[in-house]
C-alpha atoms as a PDB file:
ATOM      1  CA  MET A   1      -0.387  -0.103   0.230  1.00  0.00           C
ATOM      2  CA  ILE A   2       1.403   3.415  -1.035  1.00  0.00           C
ATOM      3  CA  LEU A   3      -1.267   5.773  -0.613  1.00  0.00           C
ATOM      4  CA  ASP A   4       0.123   7.164   2.522  1.00  0.00           C
ATOM      5  CA  GLN A   5       3.071   7.892   0.643  1.00  0.00           C
ATOM      6  CA  HIS A   6       2.076  10.682  -1.622  1.00  0.00           C
ATOM      7  CA  GLY A   7      -0.239  12.532   0.724  1.00  0.00           C
ATOM      8  CA  SER A   8      -2.706  14.250  -1.563  1.00  0.00           C
ATOM      9  CA  LEU A   9      -4.052  11.424  -3.260  1.00  0.00           C
ATOM     10  CA  THR A  10      -7.373   9.443  -1.589  1.00  0.00           C
ATOM     11  CA  ALA A  11      -8.536   5.910  -2.017  1.00  0.00           C
ATOM     12  CA  GLU A  12     -10.882   6.781  -5.425  1.00  0.00           C
ATOM     13  CA  ASP A  13      -7.752   8.614  -7.516  1.00  0.00           C
ATOM     14  CA  GLU A  14      -6.911   5.923  -9.808  1.00  0.00           C
ATOM     15  CA  CYS A  15      -3.365   6.444 -10.832  1.00  0.00           C
ATOM     16  CA  TYR A  16      -0.461   4.648 -12.282  1.00  0.00           C
ATOM     17  CA  TYR A  17       3.583   4.760 -12.772  1.00  0.00           C
ATOM     18  CA  LEU A  18       6.082   3.514 -13.925  1.00  0.00           C
ATOM     19  CA  LEU A  19       9.349   3.604 -12.531  1.00  0.00           C
ATOM     20  CA  GLU A  20      10.460   5.190  -8.827  1.00  0.00           C
ATOM     21  CA  TRP A  21      12.479   8.532  -8.777  1.00  0.00           C
ATOM     22  CA  THR A  22      14.368   9.125  -5.225  1.00  0.00           C
ATOM     23  CA  ARG A  23      14.098  12.564  -3.815  1.00  0.00           C
ATOM     24  CA  GLY A  24      17.400  14.217  -3.688  1.00  0.00           C
ATOM     25  CA  GLY A  25      19.518  11.386  -4.942  1.00  0.00           C
ATOM     26  CA  GLY A  26      20.557  14.015  -8.408  1.00  0.00           C
ATOM     27  CA  TYR A  27      21.631  12.339 -11.098  1.00  0.00           C
ATOM     28  CA  SER A  28      23.350   9.123 -10.177  1.00  0.00           C
ATOM     29  CA  ALA A  29      20.734   7.949  -7.819  1.00  0.00           C
ATOM     30  CA  SER A  30      19.532   5.741 -10.767  1.00  0.00           C
ATOM     31  CA  ALA A  31      18.814   6.023 -14.381  1.00  0.00           C
ATOM     32  CA  THR A  32      15.187   7.377 -13.371  1.00  0.00           C
ATOM     33  CA  ASN A  33      16.679  10.479 -11.873  1.00  0.00           C
ATOM     34  CA  GLN A  34      19.328  10.822 -14.848  1.00  0.00           C
ATOM     35  CA  LEU A  35      16.559  10.349 -17.333  1.00  0.00           C
ATOM     36  CA  ILE A  36      13.723  12.844 -15.279  1.00  0.00           C
ATOM     37  CA  ALA A  37      16.582  15.265 -14.579  1.00  0.00           C
ATOM     38  CA  ASN A  38      17.168  15.244 -18.709  1.00  0.00           C
ATOM     39  CA  LEU A  39      13.270  16.101 -19.167  1.00  0.00           C
ATOM     40  CA  ARG A  40      13.053  18.630 -16.902  1.00  0.00           C
ATOM     41  CA  LYS A  41      15.946  20.154 -18.531  1.00  0.00           C
ATOM     42  CA  THR A  42      14.647  24.399 -18.517  1.00  0.00           C
ATOM     43  CA  ASN A  43      14.519  26.314 -21.480  1.00  0.00           C
ATOM     44  CA  ASP A  44      17.147  28.668 -21.130  1.00  0.00           C
ATOM     45  CA  LYS A  45      19.183  25.521 -21.492  1.00  0.00           C
ATOM     46  CA  LYS A  46      18.649  25.651 -25.114  1.00  0.00           C
ATOM     47  CA  GLY A  47      21.760  25.628 -27.151  1.00  0.00           C
ATOM     48  CA  THR A  48      24.638  24.669 -24.829  1.00  0.00           C
ATOM     49  CA  LEU A  49      26.016  21.070 -24.438  1.00  0.00           C
ATOM     50  CA  GLY A  50      23.850  18.568 -23.194  1.00  0.00           C
ATOM     51  CA  TYR A  51      20.555  20.106 -24.428  1.00  0.00           C
ATOM     52  CA  HIS A  52      19.990  17.383 -26.498  1.00  0.00           C
ATOM     53  CA  TYR A  53      19.605  14.752 -23.696  1.00  0.00           C
ATOM     54  CA  LYS A  54      15.544  16.651 -22.965  1.00  0.00           C
ATOM     55  CA  GLU A  55      14.886  15.757 -26.650  1.00  0.00           C
ATOM     56  CA  GLU A  56      16.413  11.705 -25.767  1.00  0.00           C
ATOM     57  CA  ALA A  57      14.329  11.892 -22.521  1.00  0.00           C
ATOM     58  CA  ILE A  58      11.173  13.059 -24.205  1.00  0.00           C
ATOM     59  CA  GLU A  59      11.558  10.096 -26.844  1.00  0.00           C
ATOM     60  CA  THR A  60      12.685   7.493 -23.441  1.00  0.00           C
ATOM     61  CA  SER A  61       9.430   7.890 -21.357  1.00  0.00           C
ATOM     62  CA  ALA A  62       7.370   7.642 -24.105  1.00  0.00           C
ATOM     63  CA  TYR A  63       8.657   4.750 -25.633  1.00  0.00           C
ATOM     64  CA  ASN A  64       8.324   3.228 -22.074  1.00  0.00           C
ATOM     65  CA  LEU A  65       4.930   4.235 -21.783  1.00  0.00           C
ATOM     66  CA  ARG A  66       3.930   2.963 -24.907  1.00  0.00           C
ATOM     67  CA  ASN A  67       5.286  -0.310 -23.917  1.00  0.00           C
ATOM     68  CA  ALA A  68       2.792   0.053 -20.517  1.00  0.00           C
ATOM     69  CA  ILE A  69      -0.395   1.382 -21.894  1.00  0.00           C
ATOM     70  CA  ASN A  70      -3.117  -0.529 -24.481  1.00  0.00           C
ATOM     71  CA  ALA A  71      -3.176   1.008 -27.034  1.00  0.00           C
ATOM     72  CA  GLU A  72      -6.806   0.644 -27.721  1.00  0.00           C
ATOM     73  CA  TRP A  73      -7.236   2.633 -24.629  1.00  0.00           C
ATOM     74  CA  LEU A  74      -4.781   5.466 -25.905  1.00  0.00           C
ATOM     75  CA  LYS A  75      -6.876   5.919 -29.028  1.00  0.00           C
ATOM     76  CA  GLU A  76     -10.044   6.687 -26.991  1.00  0.00           C
ATOM     77  CA  ALA A  77      -8.440   8.580 -24.083  1.00  0.00           C
ATOM     78  CA  THR A  78      -8.444  11.978 -24.006  1.00  0.00           C
ATOM     79  CA  LEU A  79      -4.465  12.876 -23.077  1.00  0.00           C
ATOM     80  CA  VAL A  80      -4.400  16.043 -20.844  1.00  0.00           C
ATOM     81  CA  PRO A  81      -0.589  16.760 -19.799  1.00  0.00           C
ATOM     82  CA  ILE A  82      -0.151  18.513 -16.388  1.00  0.00           C
ATOM     83  CA  PRO A  83       0.493  22.252 -16.957  1.00  0.00           C
ATOM     84  CA  PRO A  84       3.978  23.684 -16.423  1.00  0.00           C
ATOM     85  CA  SER A  85       4.413  25.717 -13.771  1.00  0.00           C
ATOM     86  CA  SER A  86       4.266  28.771 -16.241  1.00  0.00           C
ATOM     87  CA  CYS A  87       1.608  30.530 -18.218  1.00  0.00           C
ATOM     88  CA  ARG A  88       1.799  29.970 -22.126  1.00  0.00           C
ATOM     89  CA  SER A  89       2.824  33.587 -22.637  1.00  0.00           C
ATOM     90  CA  ASP A  90       5.872  32.925 -20.454  1.00  0.00           C
ATOM     91  CA  PRO A  91       9.093  31.915 -22.122  1.00  0.00           C
ATOM     92  CA  ASN A  92       9.612  29.438 -18.994  1.00  0.00           C
ATOM     93  CA  TYR A  93       6.983  27.834 -20.980  1.00  0.00           C
ATOM     94  CA  ASP A  94       7.883  23.877 -21.116  1.00  0.00           C
ATOM     95  CA  ASP A  95       5.775  21.740 -22.939  1.00  0.00           C
ATOM     96  CA  ARG A  96       7.336  18.599 -21.895  1.00  0.00           C
ATOM     97  CA  MET A  97       4.592  16.392 -21.239  1.00  0.00           C
ATOM     98  CA  THR A  98       2.789  17.571 -24.449  1.00  0.00           C
ATOM     99  CA  GLY A  99       6.281  16.271 -26.170  1.00  0.00           C
ATOM    100  CA  VAL A 100       6.024  13.024 -24.435  1.00  0.00           C
ATOM    101  CA  LEU A 101       2.102  12.280 -25.443  1.00  0.00           C
ATOM    102  CA  ARG A 102       2.930  13.363 -29.042  1.00  0.00           C
ATOM    103  CA  ALA A 103       5.854  11.132 -29.069  1.00  0.00           C
ATOM    104  CA  LEU A 104       3.931   8.286 -27.208  1.00  0.00           C
ATOM    105  CA  THR A 105       1.137   8.352 -29.806  1.00  0.00           C
ATOM    106  CA  ARG A 106       2.899   8.842 -32.878  1.00  0.00           C
ATOM    107  CA  GLY A 107       1.832   6.636 -36.276  1.00  0.00           C
ATOM    108  CA  LEU A 108      -1.659   5.995 -33.906  1.00  0.00           C
ATOM    109  CA  ALA A 109      -4.412   6.331 -36.661  1.00  0.00           C
ATOM    110  CA  LYS A 110      -6.303   8.226 -33.416  1.00  0.00           C
ATOM    111  CA  ARG A 111      -5.400  10.748 -30.681  1.00  0.00           C
ATOM    112  CA  ASP A 112      -6.401  13.218 -29.064  1.00  0.00           C
ATOM    113  CA  ILE A 113      -4.187  14.905 -26.961  1.00  0.00           C
ATOM    114  CA  ARG A 114      -5.707  18.421 -25.746  1.00  0.00           C
ATOM    115  CA  GLU A 115      -3.446  21.010 -23.403  1.00  0.00           C
ATOM    116  CA  LEU A 116      -7.046  21.771 -21.344  1.00  0.00           C
ATOM    117  CA  ILE A 117      -5.285  22.649 -18.295  1.00  0.00           C
ATOM    118  CA  ILE A 118      -3.803  26.106 -18.287  1.00  0.00           C
ATOM    119  CA  HIS A 119      -2.855  28.278 -15.415  1.00  0.00           C
ATOM    120  CA  ARG A 120      -3.826  31.908 -14.674  1.00  0.00           C
ATOM    121  CA  GLU A 121      -0.547  32.911 -13.417  1.00  0.00           C
ATOM    122  CA  SER A 122       3.096  31.349 -13.686  1.00  0.00           C
ATOM    123  CA  MET A 123       4.432  29.677 -10.430  1.00  0.00           C
ATOM    124  CA  THR A 124       7.497  28.697  -8.467  1.00  0.00           C
ATOM    125  CA  PRO A 125       7.573  25.106 -10.173  1.00  0.00           C
ATOM    126  CA  ALA A 126       7.077  22.602  -7.582  1.00  0.00           C
ATOM    127  CA  HIS A 127      10.391  20.784  -7.933  1.00  0.00           C
ATOM    128  CA  THR A 128      12.529  24.150  -7.242  1.00  0.00           C
ATOM    129  CA  SER A 129       9.930  24.805  -4.187  1.00  0.00           C
ATOM    130  CA  GLY A 130      12.049  22.790  -1.063  1.00  0.00           C
ATOM    131  CA  ASP A 131       9.372  22.132   1.506  1.00  0.00           C
ATOM    132  CA  CYS A 132       7.094  25.490   0.598  1.00  0.00           C
ATOM    133  CA  ARG A 133       5.219  23.439  -1.597  1.00  0.00           C
ATOM    134  CA  PRO A 134       1.781  24.942  -3.219  1.00  0.00           C
ATOM    135  CA  THR A 135      -1.446  23.091  -1.355  1.00  0.00           C
ATOM    136  CA  VAL A 136      -4.188  21.564  -3.526  1.00  0.00           C
ATOM    137  CA  ALA A 137      -6.648  24.607  -3.109  1.00  0.00           C
ATOM    138  CA  GLU A 138      -4.007  27.068  -4.228  1.00  0.00           C
ATOM    139  CA  ILE A 139      -2.746  24.685  -7.260  1.00  0.00           C
ATOM    140  CA  ARG A 140      -6.930  24.628  -7.952  1.00  0.00           C
ATOM    141  CA  ALA A 141      -7.471  28.061  -7.495  1.00  0.00           C
ATOM    142  CA  ASN A 142      -4.724  29.230 -10.236  1.00  0.00           C
ATOM    143  CA  TYR A 143      -6.081  26.185 -12.567  1.00  0.00           C
ATOM    144  CA  GLU A 144      -8.843  26.856 -15.732  1.00  0.00           C
ATOM    145  CA  ILE A 145      -9.786  25.508 -18.203  1.00  0.00           C
ATOM    146  CA  ASP A 146      -9.026  26.276 -22.139  1.00  0.00           C
ATOM    147  CA  GLU A 147     -12.675  26.373 -23.446  1.00  0.00           C
ATOM    148  CA  SER A 148     -11.532  26.487 -26.779  1.00  0.00           C
ATOM    149  CA  LEU A 149     -10.654  22.521 -26.266  1.00  0.00           C
ATOM    150  CA  VAL A 150     -13.893  21.004 -24.476  1.00  0.00           C
ATOM    151  CA  GLU A 151     -15.424  19.703 -27.415  1.00  0.00           C
ATOM    152  CA  PRO A 152     -16.169  16.899 -28.642  1.00  0.00           C
ATOM    153  CA  SER A 153     -16.490  15.899 -25.041  1.00  0.00           C
ATOM    154  CA  PRO A 154     -13.879  13.126 -23.580  1.00  0.00           C
ATOM    155  CA  ARG A 155     -15.152   9.770 -22.585  1.00  0.00           C
ATOM    156  CA  ILE A 156     -12.054   8.779 -20.324  1.00  0.00           C
ATOM    157  CA  ILE A 157      -9.449  11.889 -19.512  1.00  0.00           C
ATOM    158  CA  GLY A 158      -5.796  10.708 -18.612  1.00  0.00           C
ATOM    159  CA  ILE A 159      -3.985  12.815 -16.858  1.00  0.00           C
ATOM    160  CA  PHE A 160      -0.254  12.635 -17.740  1.00  0.00           C
ATOM    161  CA  ASP A 161       2.880  14.358 -15.281  1.00  0.00           C
ATOM    162  CA  ASP A 162       6.535  12.966 -14.951  1.00  0.00           C
ATOM    163  CA  ILE A 163       6.579  12.202 -11.551  1.00  0.00           C
ATOM    164  CA  LEU A 164       3.969  11.904  -8.872  1.00  0.00           C
ATOM    165  CA  THR A 165       5.241  13.802  -5.451  1.00  0.00           C
ATOM    166  CA  ALA A 166       2.572  14.266  -2.977  1.00  0.00           C
ATOM    167  CA  GLY A 167      -0.324  14.132  -5.674  1.00  0.00           C
ATOM    168  CA  SER A 168      -1.617  17.389  -5.316  1.00  0.00           C
ATOM    169  CA  HIS A 169      -1.556  18.688  -9.028  1.00  0.00           C
ATOM    170  CA  PHE A 170      -3.129  15.480 -10.218  1.00  0.00           C
ATOM    171  CA  ARG A 171      -5.702  16.124  -7.387  1.00  0.00           C
ATOM    172  CA  ALA A 172      -6.216  19.926  -8.776  1.00  0.00           C
ATOM    173  CA  ALA A 173      -6.012  18.960 -12.264  1.00  0.00           C
ATOM    174  CA  LYS A 174      -9.161  16.150 -11.214  1.00  0.00           C
ATOM    175  CA  MET A 175     -10.922  18.144  -9.707  1.00  0.00           C
ATOM    176  CA  LEU A 176     -11.290  20.766 -12.214  1.00  0.00           C
ATOM    177  CA  LEU A 177     -11.477  17.960 -14.845  1.00  0.00           C
ATOM    178  CA  THR A 178     -14.988  16.701 -12.749  1.00  0.00           C
ATOM    179  CA  GLU A 179     -16.481  20.221 -12.331  1.00  0.00           C
ATOM    180  CA  ARG A 180     -16.430  20.468 -16.280  1.00  0.00           C
ATOM    181  CA  PHE A 181     -16.927  16.940 -17.449  1.00  0.00           C
ATOM    182  CA  PRO A 182     -18.649  15.281 -14.304  1.00  0.00           C
ATOM    183  CA  ALA A 183     -19.502  12.158 -16.064  1.00  0.00           C
ATOM    184  CA  VAL A 184     -16.263  11.402 -17.559  1.00  0.00           C
ATOM    185  CA  PRO A 185     -13.623   8.865 -15.594  1.00  0.00           C
ATOM    186  CA  VAL A 186     -10.627  10.807 -14.614  1.00  0.00           C
ATOM    187  CA  ILE A 187      -7.137   8.495 -14.379  1.00  0.00           C
ATOM    188  CA  GLY A 188      -3.239   9.856 -13.334  1.00  0.00           C
ATOM    189  CA  VAL A 189      -0.335   8.375 -15.304  1.00  0.00           C
ATOM    190  CA  PHE A 190       3.271   9.513 -14.343  1.00  0.00           C
ATOM    191  CA  ILE A 191       6.411   8.737 -15.692  1.00  0.00           C
ATOM    192  CA  ALA A 192       7.721   7.366 -11.831  1.00  0.00           C
ATOM    193  CA  ARG A 193       6.609   8.208  -8.315  1.00  0.00           C
ATOM    194  CA  ARG A 194       8.633   9.675  -5.871  1.00  0.00           C
ATOM    195  CA  ILE A 195      10.204   7.507  -3.095  1.00  0.00           C
ATOM    196  CA  PHE A 196      12.759   8.510  -0.566  1.00  0.00           C
ATOM    197  CA  PRO A 197      16.407   7.380   0.034  1.00  0.00           C
ATOM    198  CA  PRO A 198      16.954   4.511   3.020  1.00  0.00           C
ATOM    199  CA  SER A 199      17.532   5.810   6.272  1.00  0.00           C
ATOM    200  CA  GLY A 200      21.098   6.165   6.694  1.00  0.00           C
ATOM    201  CA  SER A 201      21.655   6.582   3.016  1.00  0.00           C
ATOM    202  CA  ASP A 202      24.285   9.005   1.592  1.00  0.00           C
ATOM    203  CA  VAL A 203      21.579  10.275  -0.730  1.00  0.00           C
END
């Protein structure tokens, strides 16, 4: 039972993950830590040595997800990325999860990827904010639906993000989408979930 390790989730939430990411481990902790670090390379690193690893991480993440997810489900579901912390107009806007979804569904005859959730204002990325992480209510208050993308109505929604930590962003996104599409099932899919290093570890 891992529900108590992701404090914002409830027993009613349906979430799936592939890998485990060690908090505070850096690149050297695991291949997953290296994958996520590359996936999260920021826009200001474009054109610098090593930035190409971000594209490789997007492709690797998509490949791993494609091998784990039923192709028929991918054709039926509306795939919604958790929005990055920056607004679309912000130069720091990072659509890495949209990139993962595009690579994940490449070659499918039918796919439905929608950036349904957008920020009202840019926020500090949760993974750089230390212990001062926003609450579910604060995240929800900053989310809104892009009404230009609501049609056709989804039949099932998959919310995708890189790491499941407390689950606060998933809960906020699920609340918003359930309010807008009350009869539509919403599940979460994550590349990895957060774990903590063993007690006494040097990590």
